[in-house]
Amino acid sequence: MTFNINGIRAVTRGKSLKEFLDSLEADIMCFQETKITRDMLEESICMVEGYNAYFSFSRVKTGYSGVATFCKDKTMPCAAEEGLTAMWTQEPSIGCYGTTDCFTSDQLSTLDREGRAVLTEHTLDNGDKVVIVNVYCPRAETENEERMEFKMRYYKLLQIRVEALVASGRHVIVLGDMNLAHKPIDHCNPGDPEKFNAYPSRIWMSQFIKDITVKNVARTGTTLPKLQTAGLYSPYFKRTENVDPDKQALEGRILVDSFRYIYPARKDAFTNWCTSTGARLTNYGNRLDYIVADLSLVKQRFVDVIIRPEVEGSDHCPVVAFLSGRIMPSKRPPPLCSRFMPEFAGKQQKLASYFMKKVVETSNDATETDSEAESSSQEATPKDDVKPELKKGSSLKRTGSFEAASQAKRPKTSQSVKKKSIFQFFGKKEDVKISAEVNSSSCVEEKEEKSEDSEGISNSDLGKESKPDKVNIMDQSDSQKQNSEVSTDSTAPFENGADSQSSTESIDSNKKTDVAAWKSILKGPPPAPLCLGHNEPCVLRTVKKKGPNYGRQFHCCARPEGHYSNKEARCKFFKWIR
């Protein structure tokens, strides 16, 4: 199986990696775009029960590229290598690198530093060897000449390595995200066929694989589900009789697209969709993920190749190839296996080991040195395992809690200060001043625990001038407070129903006034226009592609992108925001 997961830490979505691997139901799983580097690797990712993993990391930048191959223990490989060159392989176990004289040493180093390939070699039940090349080819726009040249060089390096492996007599399976749609049938909107086929990546793919279909081979009548339920895999293709052995051996070295070999005319077989436009809902995408193999292996072993668009979690979906027979597992995983990494194999020293006492039995001088170091460490550490007290001038004591410390650091504020109501900001300044005096008087009254007597309040805090007015204002604020409590608790009694109702109406009117005032200040974005195709509100999008319109915003139809013949898909409405 090949699957561009677009991040190995995000694809699990709340479940363990083992649960995710088990749900895919494949014996050998090749993932691309893991977006993880060596320092970010965790034990829960690289050591999964029942699986052995092989990683290739990007040495260029973090959270970029990366591939990983997970094999069940029953399909454990006998050899594994990272990269297409021998750059990251200390002991070449697979070999067959081909002639790379057309590249400079710097070019080879640059091509293999982005973590784009992992190779595993397996033994079939008949003794034949098969090498699985898990590859993530670069993506490049035609406008970016430098990156486009890098992409074409990587394709060439991949072809050199694969052809060398095939020439050695091994079977080869190349699978992964090739980052190209080979034929117009593999693209949702190919446009002009001549321009489509003239794309450099497609020209390379056409000479890398051969366009051979199943027309000369007769199929058996057994269907795949019956084979799976029975637990048997009989040959899905019957060999043709009276075939020239030399010609058959020559054809065996030809690489074919296994999916198109079986389904040469199947349309809408896509593996990648644009997530920002919701194109997966209308199946408006491309076929970028391939399983390429040598023709002899496809004829002998391949049962079926299926695309699984129901598996979500990425902008790609898995492609699975079913092969007959079985793989003979190795007794021991190859050295590239992640369980042999020093940080997970128990060989790497921990930081605590540097602070532990070392025992040396060979030399007396060393023993004396250790004893001196021990005595010096004892003198350096306090006898009692107690934290030192604070200075005498400190206002906090050791017995003080965190709450005491926070209270000491907290600035002292007047006890008469109360939270202001938002309605005070929209009233007149005189009213705000009077209400502030009333609030201060009420706080003083609570502190001194006096009875609620209007005379006492006026004598202590309200002053000698205009006593009745201030008392009435206080009564009004109390009645408003009482009304707010009544609105939340229906059991609270009303002393005056008419007054409470009028105060509630005044609060509602104040709220409406406040909302209107805020709307006049913060008007918000204008309403979205209606699209012409469906008469529905449009969505606002921003141009993220670098160019003259980068950063500009526009309105378009809110429906998912799809073919122009699909009435349920997005219409052609488009409008710039000036």
Protein backbone atom coordinates (compact mmCIF):
# COMPACT_ATOMS: atom_id res chain seq x y z
CA MET A 1 0.00 0.00 0.00
CA THR A 2 1.08 3.56 -0.74
CA PHE A 3 -0.41 6.52 1.11
CA ASN A 4 0.64 10.17 1.30
CA ILE A 5 -0.47 10.83 4.87
CA ASN A 6 0.52 14.53 5.02
CA GLY A 7 1.97 14.24 8.52
CA ILE A 8 2.36 11.05 10.55
CA ARG A 9 1.54 12.75 13.87
CA ALA A 10 -1.72 14.25 12.60
CA VAL A 11 -3.11 11.33 10.63
CA THR A 12 -3.92 9.21 13.69
CA ARG A 13 -6.45 11.83 14.93
CA GLY A 14 -6.63 10.87 18.58
CA LYS A 15 -5.89 7.14 18.24
CA SER A 16 -2.63 5.26 18.50
CA LEU A 17 -0.45 4.55 15.50
CA LYS A 18 -1.04 0.83 15.91
CA GLU A 19 -4.79 1.33 15.62
CA PHE A 20 -4.23 3.41 12.51
CA LEU A 21 -1.97 0.78 10.93
CA ASP A 22 -4.36 -2.05 11.80
CA SER A 23 -7.27 -0.17 10.24
CA LEU A 24 -5.46 -0.01 6.88
CA GLU A 25 -5.28 -3.83 6.70
CA ALA A 26 -2.08 -4.04 4.65
CA ASP A 27 1.04 -6.14 5.17
CA ILE A 28 3.49 -3.54 3.81
CA MET A 29 2.58 0.16 4.15
CA CYS A 30 4.60 2.87 2.43
CA PHE A 31 3.91 6.40 3.67
CA GLN A 32 5.04 9.66 2.14
CA GLU A 33 5.25 13.17 3.54
CA THR A 34 5.64 12.08 7.13
CA LYS A 35 6.87 15.61 8.01
CA ILE A 36 9.02 14.38 10.86
CA THR A 37 12.75 14.57 11.51
CA ARG A 38 15.04 12.37 13.59
CA ASP A 39 14.92 14.64 16.64
CA MET A 40 11.11 14.64 16.55
CA LEU A 41 10.81 10.85 16.48
CA GLU A 42 9.06 9.24 19.45
CA GLU A 43 9.07 5.68 20.68
CA SER A 44 5.31 5.35 20.08
CA ILE A 45 5.90 6.06 16.37
CA CYS A 46 9.01 4.06 15.59
CA MET A 47 8.34 1.02 17.81
CA VAL A 48 4.85 -0.33 17.12
CA GLU A 49 3.95 -3.81 18.32
CA GLY A 50 3.74 -6.25 15.44
CA TYR A 51 5.48 -3.92 12.95
CA ASN A 52 9.03 -2.97 11.97
CA ALA A 53 9.59 0.54 10.61
CA TYR A 54 12.14 2.16 8.29
CA PHE A 55 12.41 5.95 8.03
CA SER A 56 14.05 8.52 5.81
CA PHE A 57 14.25 12.04 7.23
CA SER A 58 14.75 15.41 5.63
CA ARG A 59 18.11 16.99 6.40
CA VAL A 60 17.08 20.28 4.81
CA LYS A 61 14.32 21.64 7.05
CA THR A 62 11.98 20.53 9.81
CA GLY A 63 8.44 19.33 9.13
CA TYR A 64 9.14 18.69 5.45
CA SER A 65 9.03 15.65 3.18
CA GLY A 66 10.06 12.32 4.71
CA VAL A 67 8.97 8.74 3.96
CA ALA A 68 8.46 5.65 6.10
CA THR A 69 7.82 1.97 5.38
CA PHE A 70 5.98 -0.15 7.98
CA CYS A 71 6.10 -3.92 7.53
CA LYS A 72 4.28 -6.49 9.55
CA ASP A 73 6.56 -8.97 11.28
CA LYS A 74 5.37 -11.70 8.88
CA THR A 75 6.72 -9.62 5.95
CA MET A 76 9.98 -8.50 7.58
CA PRO A 77 12.54 -7.50 4.92
CA CYS A 78 15.97 -9.04 4.63
CA ALA A 79 17.63 -5.73 3.69
CA ALA A 80 16.82 -2.02 3.77
CA GLU A 81 18.45 1.20 2.66
CA GLU A 82 17.71 4.91 2.89
CA GLY A 83 17.94 7.06 -0.22
CA LEU A 84 18.63 6.38 -3.88
CA THR A 85 22.41 6.72 -3.48
CA ALA A 86 24.89 5.17 -1.05
CA MET A 87 25.14 8.47 0.81
CA TRP A 88 23.24 7.35 3.96
CA THR A 89 24.18 3.67 3.83
CA GLN A 90 27.22 2.58 5.83
CA GLU A 91 26.96 -1.07 4.75
CA PRO A 92 25.23 -1.36 1.35
CA SER A 93 22.90 -4.35 1.62
CA ILE A 94 20.80 -3.88 -1.54
CA GLY A 95 23.31 -2.12 -3.80
CA CYS A 96 22.83 -1.69 -7.58
CA TYR A 97 23.17 2.09 -7.76
CA GLY A 98 23.79 2.27 -11.50
CA THR A 99 25.99 4.71 -13.34
CA THR A 100 25.64 8.21 -11.94
CA ASP A 101 28.45 9.90 -13.84
CA CYS A 102 25.96 12.42 -15.25
CA PHE A 103 25.64 13.94 -11.74
CA THR A 104 28.20 15.81 -9.71
CA SER A 105 28.88 14.85 -6.11
CA ASP A 106 27.10 18.01 -4.91
CA GLN A 107 24.05 17.22 -7.01
CA LEU A 108 23.82 13.68 -5.64
CA SER A 109 24.17 14.99 -2.10
CA THR A 110 21.44 17.58 -2.67
CA LEU A 111 19.05 15.11 -4.29
CA ASP A 112 19.26 12.65 -1.40
CA ARG A 113 19.10 15.11 1.50
CA GLU A 114 15.32 15.68 1.50
CA GLY A 115 14.35 12.22 2.78
CA ARG A 116 12.43 11.01 -0.26
CA ALA A 117 13.18 7.29 -0.59
CA VAL A 118 13.35 4.07 1.44
CA LEU A 119 14.15 0.69 -0.14
CA THR A 120 13.27 -2.68 1.41
CA GLU A 121 14.17 -6.08 -0.06
CA HIS A 122 11.92 -9.10 0.54
CA THR A 123 12.09 -12.82 -0.30
CA LEU A 124 9.11 -14.41 -2.08
CA ASP A 125 7.93 -17.95 -1.42
CA ASN A 126 9.63 -19.17 -4.63
CA GLY A 127 12.98 -17.67 -3.63
CA ASP A 128 12.82 -14.61 -5.88
CA LYS A 129 13.85 -11.26 -4.49
CA VAL A 130 11.65 -8.16 -4.75
CA VAL A 131 12.78 -4.64 -3.90
CA ILE A 132 10.08 -2.16 -2.85
CA VAL A 133 11.06 1.45 -3.54
CA ASN A 134 8.99 3.83 -1.41
CA VAL A 135 9.47 7.23 -3.06
CA TYR A 136 8.11 10.75 -2.68
CA CYS A 137 9.00 12.69 -5.83
CA PRO A 138 9.46 16.47 -5.62
CA ARG A 139 6.76 18.95 -6.52
CA ALA A 140 7.63 21.94 -8.71
CA GLU A 141 5.86 24.62 -10.68
CA THR A 142 6.91 25.33 -14.25
CA GLU A 143 7.62 28.95 -13.30
CA ASN A 144 10.26 27.86 -10.78
CA GLU A 145 13.08 26.81 -13.09
CA GLU A 146 15.49 25.86 -10.31
CA ARG A 147 13.01 23.58 -8.56
CA MET A 148 11.82 22.13 -11.86
CA GLU A 149 15.41 21.19 -12.71
CA PHE A 150 15.73 19.54 -9.29
CA LYS A 151 12.57 17.52 -9.95
CA MET A 152 13.75 16.25 -13.34
CA ARG A 153 17.13 15.29 -11.90
CA TYR A 154 15.43 13.31 -9.17
CA TYR A 155 13.32 11.45 -11.76
CA LYS A 156 16.49 10.58 -13.65
CA LEU A 157 18.26 9.36 -10.50
CA LEU A 158 15.24 7.21 -9.63
CA GLN A 159 15.20 5.65 -13.08
CA ILE A 160 18.93 4.85 -12.94
CA ARG A 161 18.56 3.05 -9.61
CA VAL A 162 15.43 1.13 -10.63
CA GLU A 163 16.86 -0.02 -13.94
CA ALA A 164 20.00 -1.22 -12.15
CA LEU A 165 17.89 -3.25 -9.74
CA VAL A 166 15.85 -4.80 -12.55
CA ALA A 167 19.02 -5.64 -14.48
CA SER A 168 20.35 -7.51 -11.43
CA GLY A 169 17.51 -10.03 -11.75
CA ARG A 170 15.35 -8.73 -8.91
CA HIS A 171 11.70 -7.86 -9.14
CA VAL A 172 11.05 -4.17 -8.45
CA ILE A 173 7.96 -2.32 -7.18
CA VAL A 174 8.14 1.48 -7.26
CA LEU A 175 5.28 3.05 -5.35
CA GLY A 176 4.50 6.41 -3.86
CA ASP A 177 3.50 9.96 -4.66
CA MET A 178 5.03 10.63 -8.09
CA ASN A 179 3.62 14.17 -8.16
CA LEU A 180 2.36 13.91 -11.75
CA ALA A 181 -0.79 12.89 -13.59
CA HIS A 182 0.48 10.71 -16.41
CA LYS A 183 -2.37 10.63 -18.93
CA PRO A 184 -5.32 12.97 -19.55
CA ILE A 185 -7.55 10.28 -18.07
CA ASP A 186 -5.66 10.75 -14.79
CA HIS A 187 -6.51 14.48 -14.56
CA CYS A 188 -9.85 16.14 -13.78
CA ASN A 189 -9.25 18.99 -16.24
CA PRO A 190 -6.47 18.10 -18.70
CA GLY A 191 -7.26 20.83 -21.23
CA ASP A 192 -5.43 20.72 -24.55
CA PRO A 193 -3.95 17.20 -25.00
CA GLU A 194 -0.84 18.48 -26.79
CA LYS A 195 0.04 20.92 -24.04
CA PHE A 196 -0.83 18.33 -21.42
CA ASN A 197 1.46 15.66 -22.85
CA ALA A 198 4.28 18.19 -23.42
CA TYR A 199 4.80 18.65 -19.68
CA PRO A 200 8.35 17.48 -18.79
CA SER A 201 7.25 15.16 -15.98
CA ARG A 202 4.79 13.34 -18.23
CA ILE A 203 7.38 12.96 -20.98
CA TRP A 204 9.71 11.29 -18.47
CA MET A 205 6.94 9.00 -17.15
CA SER A 206 6.05 7.86 -20.66
CA GLN A 207 9.58 6.55 -21.25
CA PHE A 208 9.98 5.22 -17.68
CA ILE A 209 6.97 2.88 -17.98
CA LYS A 210 5.40 1.20 -20.99
CA ASP A 211 1.77 1.45 -22.02
CA ILE A 212 0.90 -2.25 -21.92
CA THR A 213 -2.62 -3.40 -21.02
CA VAL A 214 -4.18 -6.74 -20.21
CA LYS A 215 -5.63 -7.24 -23.72
CA ASN A 216 -3.36 -10.25 -24.49
CA VAL A 217 -4.00 -11.93 -21.16
CA ALA A 218 -7.17 -13.78 -20.17
CA ARG A 219 -8.59 -13.24 -16.71
CA THR A 220 -9.86 -15.95 -14.41
CA GLY A 221 -13.44 -15.86 -13.31
CA THR A 222 -12.58 -15.66 -9.60
CA THR A 223 -13.32 -12.30 -7.99
CA LEU A 224 -11.20 -10.64 -5.35
CA PRO A 225 -13.66 -10.76 -2.41
CA LYS A 226 -13.99 -14.54 -2.75
CA LEU A 227 -10.21 -14.89 -2.75
CA GLN A 228 -9.96 -12.82 0.39
CA THR A 229 -12.67 -14.66 2.31
CA ALA A 230 -11.27 -18.04 1.31
CA GLY A 231 -7.78 -17.01 2.38
CA LEU A 232 -6.37 -18.18 -0.95
CA TYR A 233 -4.71 -16.30 -3.78
CA SER A 234 -4.80 -18.06 -7.13
CA PRO A 235 -3.21 -16.40 -10.19
CA TYR A 236 -5.47 -13.64 -11.44
CA PHE A 237 -4.07 -13.88 -14.99
CA LYS A 238 -3.52 -16.89 -17.16
CA ARG A 239 -0.23 -17.07 -18.98
CA THR A 240 -0.34 -17.11 -22.76
CA GLU A 241 0.99 -20.22 -24.47
CA ASN A 242 3.67 -20.51 -27.16
CA VAL A 243 5.59 -17.42 -25.99
CA ASP A 244 9.23 -16.90 -26.99
CA PRO A 245 11.35 -17.25 -23.81
CA ASP A 246 13.81 -14.54 -24.89
CA LYS A 247 10.98 -12.17 -25.68
CA GLN A 248 9.29 -12.98 -22.39
CA ALA A 249 12.53 -12.29 -20.48
CA LEU A 250 12.93 -8.99 -22.29
CA GLU A 251 9.36 -7.98 -21.50
CA GLY A 252 9.90 -8.97 -17.89
CA ARG A 253 12.26 -6.01 -17.48
CA ILE A 254 9.63 -3.56 -18.68
CA LEU A 255 7.99 -1.45 -15.99
CA VAL A 256 4.22 -0.95 -16.15
CA ASP A 257 1.61 1.03 -14.26
CA SER A 258 -0.15 -1.80 -12.48
CA PHE A 259 -3.46 0.04 -12.11
CA ARG A 260 -3.68 0.97 -15.80
CA TYR A 261 -2.49 -2.50 -16.74
CA ILE A 262 -5.63 -3.91 -15.17
CA TYR A 263 -8.01 -0.96 -15.68
CA PRO A 264 -6.80 0.84 -18.82
CA ALA A 265 -10.01 2.84 -19.39
CA ARG A 266 -11.37 3.50 -15.91
CA LYS A 267 -12.26 7.16 -15.49
CA ASP A 268 -12.46 9.32 -12.38
CA ALA A 269 -9.84 7.15 -10.65
CA PHE A 270 -8.22 9.91 -8.62
CA THR A 271 -6.05 9.77 -5.51
CA ASN A 272 -5.55 13.46 -4.68
CA TRP A 273 -7.99 16.35 -4.22
CA CYS A 274 -7.74 20.00 -3.25
CA THR A 275 -8.93 20.32 0.35
CA SER A 276 -9.43 24.11 0.28
CA THR A 277 -12.06 23.85 -2.46
CA GLY A 278 -13.76 20.70 -1.15
CA ALA A 279 -13.06 18.94 -4.45
CA ARG A 280 -13.13 15.51 -2.80
CA LEU A 281 -16.91 15.73 -2.45
CA THR A 282 -17.29 15.97 -6.21
CA ASN A 283 -14.28 13.70 -7.01
CA TYR A 284 -12.54 16.49 -8.89
CA GLY A 285 -8.90 15.54 -8.52
CA ASN A 286 -5.81 13.86 -9.99
CA ARG A 287 -4.11 10.48 -9.87
CA LEU A 288 -0.69 11.21 -8.39
CA ASP A 289 -0.05 7.95 -6.49
CA TYR A 290 1.20 4.94 -8.45
CA ILE A 291 2.31 1.34 -8.01
CA VAL A 292 4.76 0.60 -10.81
CA ALA A 293 6.27 -2.88 -11.16
CA ASP A 294 8.09 -5.03 -13.69
CA LEU A 295 5.84 -6.80 -16.15
CA SER A 296 6.81 -10.33 -15.15
CA LEU A 297 5.89 -9.71 -11.51
CA VAL A 298 2.58 -8.13 -12.50
CA LYS A 299 1.67 -11.13 -14.64
CA GLN A 300 2.68 -13.69 -12.04
CA ARG A 301 1.67 -12.10 -8.74
CA PHE A 302 -0.63 -9.09 -9.04
CA VAL A 303 -4.23 -9.99 -8.22
CA ASP A 304 -5.79 -6.54 -8.20
CA VAL A 305 -5.04 -2.86 -7.61
CA ILE A 306 -7.66 -0.71 -5.92
CA ILE A 307 -8.00 2.94 -4.90
CA ARG A 308 -9.52 3.63 -1.49
CA PRO A 309 -11.04 7.14 -1.49
CA GLU A 310 -13.09 6.34 1.61
CA VAL A 311 -9.95 6.54 3.77
CA GLU A 312 -9.73 10.14 4.96
CA GLY A 313 -7.23 12.11 7.00
CA SER A 314 -5.16 13.51 4.13
CA ASP A 315 -5.54 15.20 0.76
CA HIS A 316 -4.47 11.84 -0.74
CA CYS A 317 -5.98 8.38 -0.38
CA PRO A 318 -4.32 4.93 -0.29
CA VAL A 319 -3.65 2.75 -3.32
CA VAL A 320 -3.43 -0.98 -2.54
CA ALA A 321 -2.03 -3.83 -4.64
CA PHE A 322 -2.99 -7.43 -3.84
CA LEU A 323 -0.34 -10.04 -4.67
CA SER A 324 -0.63 -13.81 -4.72
CA GLY A 325 1.65 -16.07 -2.69
CA ARG A 326 3.42 -14.85 0.39
CA ILE A 327 6.66 -13.27 1.60
CA MET A 328 9.17 -15.25 3.65
CA PRO A 329 10.00 -13.13 6.72
CA SER A 330 13.57 -12.51 7.76
CA LYS A 331 14.74 -13.82 11.12
CA ARG A 332 16.16 -10.47 12.11
CA PRO A 333 15.29 -6.96 10.88
CA PRO A 334 17.97 -5.07 8.91
CA PRO A 335 20.09 -2.43 10.68
CA LEU A 336 18.00 0.44 9.27
CA CYS A 337 15.05 -0.68 11.39
CA SER A 338 14.00 2.07 13.80
CA ARG A 339 14.15 -0.25 16.82
CA PHE A 340 17.95 -0.27 16.45
CA MET A 341 18.25 3.49 16.78
CA PRO A 342 20.49 4.30 19.79
CA GLU A 343 17.89 6.47 21.46
CA PHE A 344 15.37 3.61 21.45
CA ALA A 345 17.68 0.58 21.74
CA GLY A 346 18.92 1.53 25.23
CA LYS A 347 22.48 2.31 24.06
CA GLN A 348 22.33 6.05 24.32
CA GLN A 349 23.42 7.52 27.67
CA LYS A 350 20.94 9.59 29.57
CA LEU A 351 21.71 12.99 31.08
CA ALA A 352 21.38 11.61 34.62
CA SER A 353 24.32 9.28 34.06
CA TYR A 354 26.71 12.26 33.96
CA PHE A 355 25.79 13.21 37.57
CA MET A 356 26.11 9.74 39.09
CA LYS A 357 29.14 8.54 41.03
CA LYS A 358 31.57 6.47 38.99
CA VAL A 359 33.11 3.40 40.65
CA VAL A 360 36.66 2.59 39.48
CA GLU A 361 38.33 -0.56 40.85
CA THR A 362 41.62 -0.64 38.91
CA SER A 363 43.65 2.27 40.29
CA ASN A 364 44.20 3.55 43.83
CA ASP A 365 44.72 7.07 42.55
CA ALA A 366 41.39 6.91 40.86
CA THR A 367 39.78 5.70 44.09
CA GLU A 368 41.26 8.59 46.00
CA THR A 369 40.04 11.00 43.39
CA ASP A 370 36.54 9.61 43.68
CA SER A 371 36.59 9.89 47.47
CA GLU A 372 37.81 13.46 47.27
CA ALA A 373 35.09 14.28 44.80
CA GLU A 374 32.53 12.68 47.12
CA SER A 375 33.72 14.66 50.13
CA SER A 376 33.72 17.89 48.17
CA SER A 377 30.20 17.19 46.98
CA GLN A 378 29.11 16.53 50.57
CA GLU A 379 30.56 19.85 51.67
CA ALA A 380 28.84 21.61 48.82
CA THR A 381 25.42 20.21 49.69
CA PRO A 382 23.62 21.24 52.91
CA LYS A 383 23.27 18.64 55.64
CA ASP A 384 19.57 19.08 56.04
CA ASP A 385 17.46 18.64 52.96
CA VAL A 386 15.64 21.87 53.68
CA LYS A 387 15.28 24.92 51.54
CA PRO A 388 17.08 28.01 52.92
CA GLU A 389 15.09 30.64 54.71
CA LEU A 390 14.47 34.03 53.18
CA LYS A 391 16.34 37.13 54.30
CA LYS A 392 15.39 38.87 57.49
CA GLY A 393 14.21 41.93 55.62
CA SER A 394 11.77 39.92 53.59
CA SER A 395 8.11 40.35 54.39
CA LEU A 396 7.37 36.69 53.64
CA LYS A 397 8.21 33.78 55.89
CA ARG A 398 9.01 30.25 54.85
CA THR A 399 5.79 29.00 56.39
CA GLY A 400 3.78 31.31 54.19
CA SER A 401 1.72 29.77 51.44
CA PHE A 402 1.54 30.71 47.79
CA GLU A 403 -1.57 32.68 48.56
CA ALA A 404 0.33 34.84 51.04
CA ALA A 405 3.03 35.47 48.50
CA SER A 406 0.51 36.45 45.87
CA GLN A 407 -1.21 38.79 48.33
CA ALA A 408 2.11 40.43 49.20
CA LYS A 409 2.95 41.02 45.54
CA ARG A 410 -0.55 42.23 44.76
CA PRO A 411 -0.79 46.05 44.71
CA LYS A 412 -2.88 47.59 47.46
CA THR A 413 -6.15 49.03 46.23
CA SER A 414 -8.86 50.99 47.92
CA GLN A 415 -11.63 48.84 49.35
CA SER A 416 -14.22 51.35 48.20
CA VAL A 417 -13.52 50.67 44.50
CA LYS A 418 -16.19 48.64 42.74
CA LYS A 419 -16.57 47.36 39.22
CA LYS A 420 -18.34 49.85 37.02
CA SER A 421 -21.33 48.97 34.98
CA ILE A 422 -21.02 49.31 31.22
CA PHE A 423 -24.10 51.57 31.24
CA GLN A 424 -22.14 54.22 33.13
CA PHE A 425 -19.95 54.77 30.08
CA PHE A 426 -22.94 55.75 27.97
CA GLY A 427 -24.57 58.10 30.47
CA LYS A 428 -23.90 61.73 31.34
CA LYS A 429 -20.80 62.62 33.30
CA GLU A 430 -22.83 64.05 36.20
CA ASP A 431 -24.77 60.81 36.58
CA VAL A 432 -21.55 58.79 36.55
CA LYS A 433 -20.07 61.03 39.26
CA ILE A 434 -23.14 60.70 41.46
CA SER A 435 -23.28 56.92 41.00
CA ALA A 436 -19.60 56.67 41.94
CA GLU A 437 -20.30 58.56 45.17
CA VAL A 438 -23.21 56.25 45.91
CA ASN A 439 -21.04 53.18 45.33
CA SER A 440 -18.36 54.49 47.69
CA SER A 441 -20.95 55.23 50.35
CA SER A 442 -22.43 51.77 50.09
CA CYS A 443 -18.96 50.20 50.47
CA VAL A 444 -18.27 52.23 53.62
CA GLU A 445 -21.64 51.21 54.96
CA GLU A 446 -20.88 47.50 54.46
CA LYS A 447 -17.48 47.85 56.11
CA GLU A 448 -18.88 49.49 59.25
CA GLU A 449 -21.81 47.00 59.34
CA LYS A 450 -24.45 49.67 59.89
CA SER A 451 -28.16 49.33 59.33
CA GLU A 452 -29.68 50.46 56.04
CA ASP A 453 -30.91 53.83 57.28
CA SER A 454 -31.05 56.73 54.86
CA GLU A 455 -30.21 59.20 57.62
CA GLY A 456 -27.07 57.32 58.59
CA ILE A 457 -25.89 57.23 55.00
CA SER A 458 -26.48 60.92 54.46
CA ASN A 459 -24.67 61.87 57.68
CA SER A 460 -21.58 59.73 57.07
CA ASP A 461 -20.85 59.89 53.34
CA LEU A 462 -23.44 61.69 51.25
CA GLY A 463 -22.66 65.14 52.62
CA LYS A 464 -24.87 67.96 53.72
CA GLU A 465 -25.90 69.28 50.31
CA SER A 466 -28.71 67.73 48.22
CA LYS A 467 -29.35 64.80 50.55
CA PRO A 468 -32.78 63.74 49.17
CA ASP A 469 -31.50 63.58 45.56
CA LYS A 470 -28.60 61.30 46.40
CA VAL A 471 -30.76 59.02 48.49
CA ASN A 472 -33.26 58.67 45.67
CA ILE A 473 -30.48 57.86 43.22
CA MET A 474 -29.17 55.21 45.55
CA ASP A 475 -32.62 53.73 45.91
CA GLN A 476 -32.94 53.62 42.15
CA SER A 477 -29.62 51.80 41.73
CA ASP A 478 -30.64 49.32 44.41
CA SER A 479 -33.95 48.72 42.67
CA GLN A 480 -32.09 48.04 39.40
CA LYS A 481 -29.80 45.60 41.18
CA GLN A 482 -32.87 43.93 42.70
CA ASN A 483 -34.52 43.67 39.28
CA SER A 484 -31.44 41.98 37.83
CA GLU A 485 -31.53 39.45 40.67
CA VAL A 486 -35.23 38.85 40.13
CA SER A 487 -34.62 38.07 36.47
CA THR A 488 -32.38 35.16 37.47
CA ASP A 489 -34.27 33.97 40.54
CA SER A 490 -38.04 33.84 40.27
CA THR A 491 -38.48 33.32 44.03
CA ALA A 492 -37.12 36.79 44.91
CA PRO A 493 -40.01 39.02 46.05
CA PHE A 494 -40.92 42.37 44.49
CA GLU A 495 -41.75 45.27 46.75
CA ASN A 496 -43.03 47.39 43.91
CA GLY A 497 -43.99 45.61 40.65
CA ALA A 498 -44.47 48.79 38.61
CA ASP A 499 -41.06 50.18 39.52
CA SER A 500 -39.30 46.89 38.69
CA GLN A 501 -41.05 46.61 35.35
CA SER A 502 -40.16 50.17 34.41
CA SER A 503 -36.51 49.65 35.39
CA THR A 504 -36.36 46.45 33.33
CA GLU A 505 -37.75 48.27 30.33
CA SER A 506 -35.17 51.02 30.79
CA ILE A 507 -32.37 48.43 30.86
CA ASP A 508 -33.67 46.83 27.66
CA SER A 509 -33.86 50.20 25.99
CA ASN A 510 -30.31 50.96 27.12
CA LYS A 511 -29.12 47.65 25.65
CA LYS A 512 -30.75 48.42 22.32
CA THR A 513 -29.14 51.83 22.35
CA ASP A 514 -25.75 50.29 23.12
CA VAL A 515 -26.08 47.75 20.29
CA ALA A 516 -27.01 50.48 17.85
CA ALA A 517 -24.06 52.58 19.02
CA TRP A 518 -21.61 49.71 18.54
CA LYS A 519 -23.02 48.90 15.10
CA SER A 520 -22.53 52.50 14.06
CA ILE A 521 -18.86 52.27 15.10
CA LEU A 522 -18.08 48.68 14.01
CA LYS A 523 -19.99 48.10 10.83
CA GLY A 524 -18.29 44.76 9.96
CA PRO A 525 -17.74 43.30 6.50
CA PRO A 526 -20.38 43.83 3.82
CA PRO A 527 -22.68 40.90 3.03
CA ALA A 528 -21.33 38.41 0.52
CA PRO A 529 -22.79 38.59 -2.99
CA LEU A 530 -24.93 35.83 -4.41
CA CYS A 531 -23.50 33.56 -7.06
CA LEU A 532 -25.22 33.58 -10.44
CA GLY A 533 -25.37 29.81 -10.83
CA HIS A 534 -27.15 28.87 -7.60
CA ASN A 535 -28.21 32.25 -6.14
CA GLU A 536 -26.41 31.37 -2.89
CA PRO A 537 -24.04 33.46 -0.72
CA CYS A 538 -20.44 33.31 -1.90
CA VAL A 539 -17.32 32.63 0.15
CA LEU A 540 -14.33 34.92 0.58
CA ARG A 541 -10.94 33.55 -0.50
CA THR A 542 -7.40 34.90 -0.75
CA VAL A 543 -4.86 34.32 -3.52
CA LYS A 544 -1.90 32.40 -2.04
CA LYS A 545 -0.04 31.69 -5.26
CA LYS A 546 2.92 33.98 -5.76
CA GLY A 547 2.35 36.47 -8.56
CA PRO A 548 0.85 39.88 -9.29
CA ASN A 549 -2.40 38.97 -7.50
CA TYR A 550 -0.78 37.50 -4.39
CA GLY A 551 -2.75 38.48 -1.27
CA ARG A 552 -5.81 39.75 -3.14
CA GLN A 553 -9.24 38.63 -2.01
CA PHE A 554 -12.17 37.56 -4.12
CA HIS A 555 -15.64 36.06 -3.86
CA CYS A 556 -16.57 32.78 -5.51
CA CYS A 557 -19.28 30.13 -5.30
CA ALA A 558 -19.35 28.34 -1.94
CA ARG A 559 -19.99 24.88 -3.40
CA PRO A 560 -17.12 22.39 -3.83
CA GLU A 561 -15.09 22.49 -7.00
CA GLY A 562 -16.11 20.05 -9.72
CA HIS A 563 -16.53 19.42 -13.41
CA TYR A 564 -18.43 22.03 -15.38
CA SER A 565 -21.07 19.44 -16.33
CA ASN A 566 -21.85 18.77 -12.65
CA LYS A 567 -24.68 21.08 -11.62
CA GLU A 568 -24.07 20.41 -7.94
CA ALA A 569 -20.50 21.68 -8.20
CA ARG A 570 -19.19 25.23 -8.04
CA CYS A 571 -20.40 27.67 -10.69
CA LYS A 572 -18.10 30.08 -12.54
CA PHE A 573 -19.00 33.15 -10.47
CA PHE A 574 -15.92 35.21 -9.59
CA LYS A 575 -15.57 38.75 -8.24
CA TRP A 576 -12.51 40.62 -7.00
CA ILE A 577 -12.63 42.73 -3.85
CA ARG A 578 -11.25 46.15 -4.75
